[in-house]
């Protein structure tokens, strides 16, 4: 099985856990004299089984990422960490850019005037460059996901 397939199965388990949680929320309490539309006990059993399945997929994926080479110098896990770092850096700079770009409306001379303390054009270029790096790295990671076999535990 390819890593990409295991990632899909992990996502399916995560969605199923969320759905079971919602279903449990609807049946965990009922009015006196009423019966729930689904058995909470059966749902709890299904939740336990699904969480067990999810744990299996997470372990397999983590092991595969840790022991699969991304290129000659780093593992797939290290590439994922770098991709996450790039995205976090990009998101922070983008938030700063949005904040710095907001025009302050002044209705009288007594209101405080604000000035931007960063170069908006330079910050935008950095956001654009981080976005480009993220896309390129993400594409390579996706490519590896389809060419890497999952390692068994």
C-alpha atoms as a PDB file:
ATOM      1  CA  UNK A   1       0.000   0.000   0.000  1.00  0.00           C
ATOM      2  CA  UNK A   2       1.245   3.478  -0.874  1.00  0.00           C
ATOM      3  CA  UNK A   3       1.635   6.198   1.723  1.00  0.00           C
ATOM      4  CA  UNK A   4      -0.960   8.362  -0.035  1.00  0.00           C
ATOM      5  CA  UNK A   5      -3.549   5.594   0.403  1.00  0.00           C
ATOM      6  CA  UNK A   6      -2.720   5.302   4.104  1.00  0.00           C
ATOM      7  CA  UNK A   7      -3.150   9.076   4.456  1.00  0.00           C
ATOM      8  CA  UNK A   8      -6.611   8.792   2.892  1.00  0.00           C
ATOM      9  CA  UNK A   9      -7.541   6.007   5.301  1.00  0.00           C
ATOM     10  CA  UNK A  10      -6.282   8.053   8.249  1.00  0.00           C
ATOM     11  CA  UNK A  11      -8.407  11.004   7.096  1.00  0.00           C
ATOM     12  CA  UNK A  12     -11.413   8.687   6.771  1.00  0.00           C
ATOM     13  CA  UNK A  13     -10.927   7.525  10.361  1.00  0.00           C
ATOM     14  CA  UNK A  14     -10.630  11.122  11.550  1.00  0.00           C
ATOM     15  CA  UNK A  15     -13.882  12.052   9.780  1.00  0.00           C
ATOM     16  CA  UNK A  16     -15.615   8.992  11.202  1.00  0.00           C
ATOM     17  CA  UNK A  17     -14.481   9.888  14.749  1.00  0.00           C
ATOM     18  CA  UNK A  18     -15.925  13.388  14.305  1.00  0.00           C
ATOM     19  CA  UNK A  19     -19.203  11.963  12.987  1.00  0.00           C
ATOM     20  CA  UNK A  20     -19.510   9.484  15.851  1.00  0.00           C
ATOM     21  CA  UNK A  21     -18.844  12.297  18.319  1.00  0.00           C
ATOM     22  CA  UNK A  22     -21.694  14.319  16.782  1.00  0.00           C
ATOM     23  CA  UNK A  23     -24.010  11.319  16.826  1.00  0.00           C
ATOM     24  CA  UNK A  24     -23.151  10.657  20.471  1.00  0.00           C
ATOM     25  CA  UNK A  25     -23.930  14.259  21.293  1.00  0.00           C
ATOM     26  CA  UNK A  26     -27.427  13.810  19.860  1.00  0.00           C
ATOM     27  CA  UNK A  27     -28.220  10.636  21.831  1.00  0.00           C
ATOM     28  CA  UNK A  28     -26.338  10.999  25.095  1.00  0.00           C
ATOM     29  CA  UNK A  29     -29.352  12.665  26.756  1.00  0.00           C
ATOM     30  CA  UNK A  30     -33.039  12.234  26.010  1.00  0.00           C
ATOM     31  CA  UNK A  31     -36.198  13.355  27.702  1.00  0.00           C
ATOM     32  CA  UNK A  32     -37.597  11.116  30.369  1.00  0.00           C
ATOM     33  CA  UNK A  33     -39.685   8.391  28.791  1.00  0.00           C
ATOM     34  CA  UNK A  34     -37.974   8.723  25.382  1.00  0.00           C
ATOM     35  CA  UNK A  35     -35.471   6.337  23.820  1.00  0.00           C
ATOM     36  CA  UNK A  36     -32.428   7.503  21.855  1.00  0.00           C
ATOM     37  CA  UNK A  37     -32.486   7.107  18.079  1.00  0.00           C
ATOM     38  CA  UNK A  38     -29.199   5.153  18.286  1.00  0.00           C
ATOM     39  CA  UNK A  39     -27.661   3.070  21.033  1.00  0.00           C
ATOM     40  CA  UNK A  40     -25.033   5.124  22.890  1.00  0.00           C
ATOM     41  CA  UNK A  41     -23.311   1.900  23.923  1.00  0.00           C
ATOM     42  CA  UNK A  42     -22.962   0.776  20.302  1.00  0.00           C
ATOM     43  CA  UNK A  43     -21.722   4.224  19.312  1.00  0.00           C
ATOM     44  CA  UNK A  44     -19.134   4.178  22.105  1.00  0.00           C
ATOM     45  CA  UNK A  45     -17.979   0.745  20.922  1.00  0.00           C
ATOM     46  CA  UNK A  46     -17.759   2.055  17.347  1.00  0.00           C
ATOM     47  CA  UNK A  47     -15.812   5.089  18.591  1.00  0.00           C
ATOM     48  CA  UNK A  48     -13.347   2.876  20.441  1.00  0.00           C
ATOM     49  CA  UNK A  49     -12.835   0.669  17.370  1.00  0.00           C
ATOM     50  CA  UNK A  50     -12.397   3.654  15.054  1.00  0.00           C
ATOM     51  CA  UNK A  51      -9.904   5.314  17.406  1.00  0.00           C
ATOM     52  CA  UNK A  52      -7.967   2.039  17.477  1.00  0.00           C
ATOM     53  CA  UNK A  53      -7.935   1.950  13.681  1.00  0.00           C
ATOM     54  CA  UNK A  54      -6.839   5.584  13.583  1.00  0.00           C
ATOM     55  CA  UNK A  55      -3.956   4.857  15.947  1.00  0.00           C
ATOM     56  CA  UNK A  56      -2.781   2.023  13.680  1.00  0.00           C
ATOM     57  CA  UNK A  57      -2.761   4.317  10.631  1.00  0.00           C
ATOM     58  CA  UNK A  58      -1.001   7.118  12.512  1.00  0.00           C
ATOM     59  CA  UNK A  59       1.728   4.728  13.699  1.00  0.00           C
ATOM     60  CA  UNK A  60       2.264   3.316  10.209  1.00  0.00           C
ATOM     61  CA  UNK A  61       2.348   6.770   8.630  1.00  0.00           C
ATOM     62  CA  UNK A  62       4.709   8.175  11.269  1.00  0.00           C
ATOM     63  CA  UNK A  63       7.066   5.210  10.943  1.00  0.00           C
ATOM     64  CA  UNK A  64       7.024   5.479   7.159  1.00  0.00           C
ATOM     65  CA  UNK A  65       7.676   9.229   7.269  1.00  0.00           C
ATOM     66  CA  UNK A  66      10.542   8.789   9.738  1.00  0.00           C
ATOM     67  CA  UNK A  67      12.323   6.043   7.809  1.00  0.00           C
ATOM     68  CA  UNK A  68      11.641   7.076   4.206  1.00  0.00           C
ATOM     69  CA  UNK A  69      14.157   9.314   2.487  1.00  0.00           C
ATOM     70  CA  UNK A  70      12.793  12.508   0.968  1.00  0.00           C
ATOM     71  CA  UNK A  71      16.028  13.259  -0.812  1.00  0.00           C
ATOM     72  CA  UNK A  72      19.675  12.497  -0.150  1.00  0.00           C
ATOM     73  CA  UNK A  73      19.870  14.674   2.961  1.00  0.00           C
ATOM     74  CA  UNK A  74      16.535  14.485   4.830  1.00  0.00           C
ATOM     75  CA  UNK A  75      13.710  12.095   5.658  1.00  0.00           C
ATOM     76  CA  UNK A  76      10.099  12.553   4.654  1.00  0.00           C
ATOM     77  CA  UNK A  77       9.298  13.487   8.275  1.00  0.00           C
ATOM     78  CA  UNK A  78      11.884  16.268   8.148  1.00  0.00           C
ATOM     79  CA  UNK A  79      10.420  17.534   4.871  1.00  0.00           C
ATOM     80  CA  UNK A  80       6.965  17.613   6.479  1.00  0.00           C
ATOM     81  CA  UNK A  81       8.337  19.590   9.424  1.00  0.00           C
ATOM     82  CA  UNK A  82       9.963  22.052   7.033  1.00  0.00           C
ATOM     83  CA  UNK A  83       6.716  22.418   5.083  1.00  0.00           C
ATOM     84  CA  UNK A  84       4.873  23.138   8.340  1.00  0.00           C
ATOM     85  CA  UNK A  85       7.513  25.701   9.332  1.00  0.00           C
ATOM     86  CA  UNK A  86       7.201  27.472   5.977  1.00  0.00           C
ATOM     87  CA  UNK A  87       3.407  27.577   6.243  1.00  0.00           C
ATOM     88  CA  UNK A  88       3.452  28.867   9.817  1.00  0.00           C
ATOM     89  CA  UNK A  89       5.984  31.570   8.901  1.00  0.00           C
ATOM     90  CA  UNK A  90       3.905  32.526   5.865  1.00  0.00           C
ATOM     91  CA  UNK A  91       0.675  32.686   7.877  1.00  0.00           C
ATOM     92  CA  UNK A  92       2.228  34.905  10.547  1.00  0.00           C
ATOM     93  CA  UNK A  93       3.697  37.288   7.983  1.00  0.00           C
ATOM     94  CA  UNK A  94       0.413  37.370   6.091  1.00  0.00           C
ATOM     95  CA  UNK A  95      -1.469  38.293   9.281  1.00  0.00           C
ATOM     96  CA  UNK A  96       1.066  41.053   9.949  1.00  0.00           C
ATOM     97  CA  UNK A  97       0.699  42.250   6.386  1.00  0.00           C
ATOM     98  CA  UNK A  98      -3.078  42.381   6.713  1.00  0.00           C
ATOM     99  CA  UNK A  99      -2.802  44.299   9.983  1.00  0.00           C
ATOM    100  CA  UNK A 100      -0.249  46.743   8.584  1.00  0.00           C
ATOM    101  CA  UNK A 101      -2.335  47.352   5.463  1.00  0.00           C
ATOM    102  CA  UNK A 102      -5.522  48.374   7.274  1.00  0.00           C
ATOM    103  CA  UNK A 103      -6.308  52.032   6.731  1.00  0.00           C
ATOM    104  CA  UNK A 104      -7.280  53.900   9.862  1.00  0.00           C
ATOM    105  CA  UNK A 105     -10.257  56.170   9.311  1.00  0.00           C
ATOM    106  CA  UNK A 106      -9.881  59.489  11.116  1.00  0.00           C
ATOM    107  CA  UNK A 107     -12.875  61.691  11.535  1.00  0.00           C
ATOM    108  CA  UNK A 108     -11.143  64.595  13.247  1.00  0.00           C
ATOM    109  CA  UNK A 109      -7.621  65.900  13.896  1.00  0.00           C
ATOM    110  CA  UNK A 110      -7.839  64.843  17.555  1.00  0.00           C
ATOM    111  CA  UNK A 111      -7.909  61.135  16.703  1.00  0.00           C
ATOM    112  CA  UNK A 112      -4.635  59.230  16.898  1.00  0.00           C
ATOM    113  CA  UNK A 113      -2.883  58.620  13.615  1.00  0.00           C
ATOM    114  CA  UNK A 114      -1.037  55.320  13.124  1.00  0.00           C
ATOM    115  CA  UNK A 115       1.975  54.647  10.913  1.00  0.00           C
ATOM    116  CA  UNK A 116       3.106  51.294   9.571  1.00  0.00           C
ATOM    117  CA  UNK A 117       6.513  50.244  10.926  1.00  0.00           C
ATOM    118  CA  UNK A 118       7.257  47.599   8.284  1.00  0.00           C
ATOM    119  CA  UNK A 119       7.856  47.711   4.557  1.00  0.00           C
ATOM    120  CA  UNK A 120       4.604  46.352   3.140  1.00  0.00           C
ATOM    121  CA  UNK A 121       6.056  45.675  -0.328  1.00  0.00           C
ATOM    122  CA  UNK A 122       9.019  43.748   1.101  1.00  0.00           C
ATOM    123  CA  UNK A 123       6.748  41.834   3.462  1.00  0.00           C
ATOM    124  CA  UNK A 124       4.448  40.901   0.565  1.00  0.00           C
ATOM    125  CA  UNK A 125       7.431  39.679  -1.459  1.00  0.00           C
ATOM    126  CA  UNK A 126       8.482  37.493   1.468  1.00  0.00           C
ATOM    127  CA  UNK A 127       4.938  36.104   1.817  1.00  0.00           C
ATOM    128  CA  UNK A 128       4.906  35.363  -1.918  1.00  0.00           C
ATOM    129  CA  UNK A 129       8.300  33.644  -1.732  1.00  0.00           C
ATOM    130  CA  UNK A 130       7.232  31.510   1.235  1.00  0.00           C
ATOM    131  CA  UNK A 131       4.045  30.588  -0.628  1.00  0.00           C
ATOM    132  CA  UNK A 132       6.106  29.510  -3.649  1.00  0.00           C
ATOM    133  CA  UNK A 133       8.452  27.419  -1.471  1.00  0.00           C
ATOM    134  CA  UNK A 134       5.480  25.816   0.268  1.00  0.00           C
ATOM    135  CA  UNK A 135       3.803  24.874  -3.038  1.00  0.00           C
ATOM    136  CA  UNK A 136       7.010  23.397  -4.460  1.00  0.00           C
ATOM    137  CA  UNK A 137       7.780  21.400  -1.321  1.00  0.00           C
ATOM    138  CA  UNK A 138       4.186  20.249  -0.965  1.00  0.00           C
ATOM    139  CA  UNK A 139       4.171  19.028  -4.577  1.00  0.00           C
ATOM    140  CA  UNK A 140       7.352  17.006  -3.971  1.00  0.00           C
ATOM    141  CA  UNK A 141       5.884  15.571  -0.752  1.00  0.00           C
ATOM    142  CA  UNK A 142       2.686  14.558  -2.563  1.00  0.00           C
ATOM    143  CA  UNK A 143       4.802  12.915  -5.242  1.00  0.00           C
ATOM    144  CA  UNK A 144       6.696  10.951  -2.558  1.00  0.00           C
ATOM    145  CA  UNK A 145       3.398   9.925  -0.946  1.00  0.00           C
ATOM    146  CA  UNK A 146       2.409   8.153  -4.162  1.00  0.00           C
ATOM    147  CA  UNK A 147       5.771   6.458  -4.635  1.00  0.00           C
ATOM    148  CA  UNK A 148       6.494   5.373  -1.045  1.00  0.00           C
ATOM    149  CA  UNK A 149       5.260   2.091   0.371  1.00  0.00           C
ATOM    150  CA  UNK A 150       3.877   2.081   3.910  1.00  0.00           C
ATOM    151  CA  UNK A 151       6.119   0.358   6.460  1.00  0.00           C
ATOM    152  CA  UNK A 152       4.368  -2.100   8.738  1.00  0.00           C
ATOM    153  CA  UNK A 153       4.757  -1.736  12.485  1.00  0.00           C
END
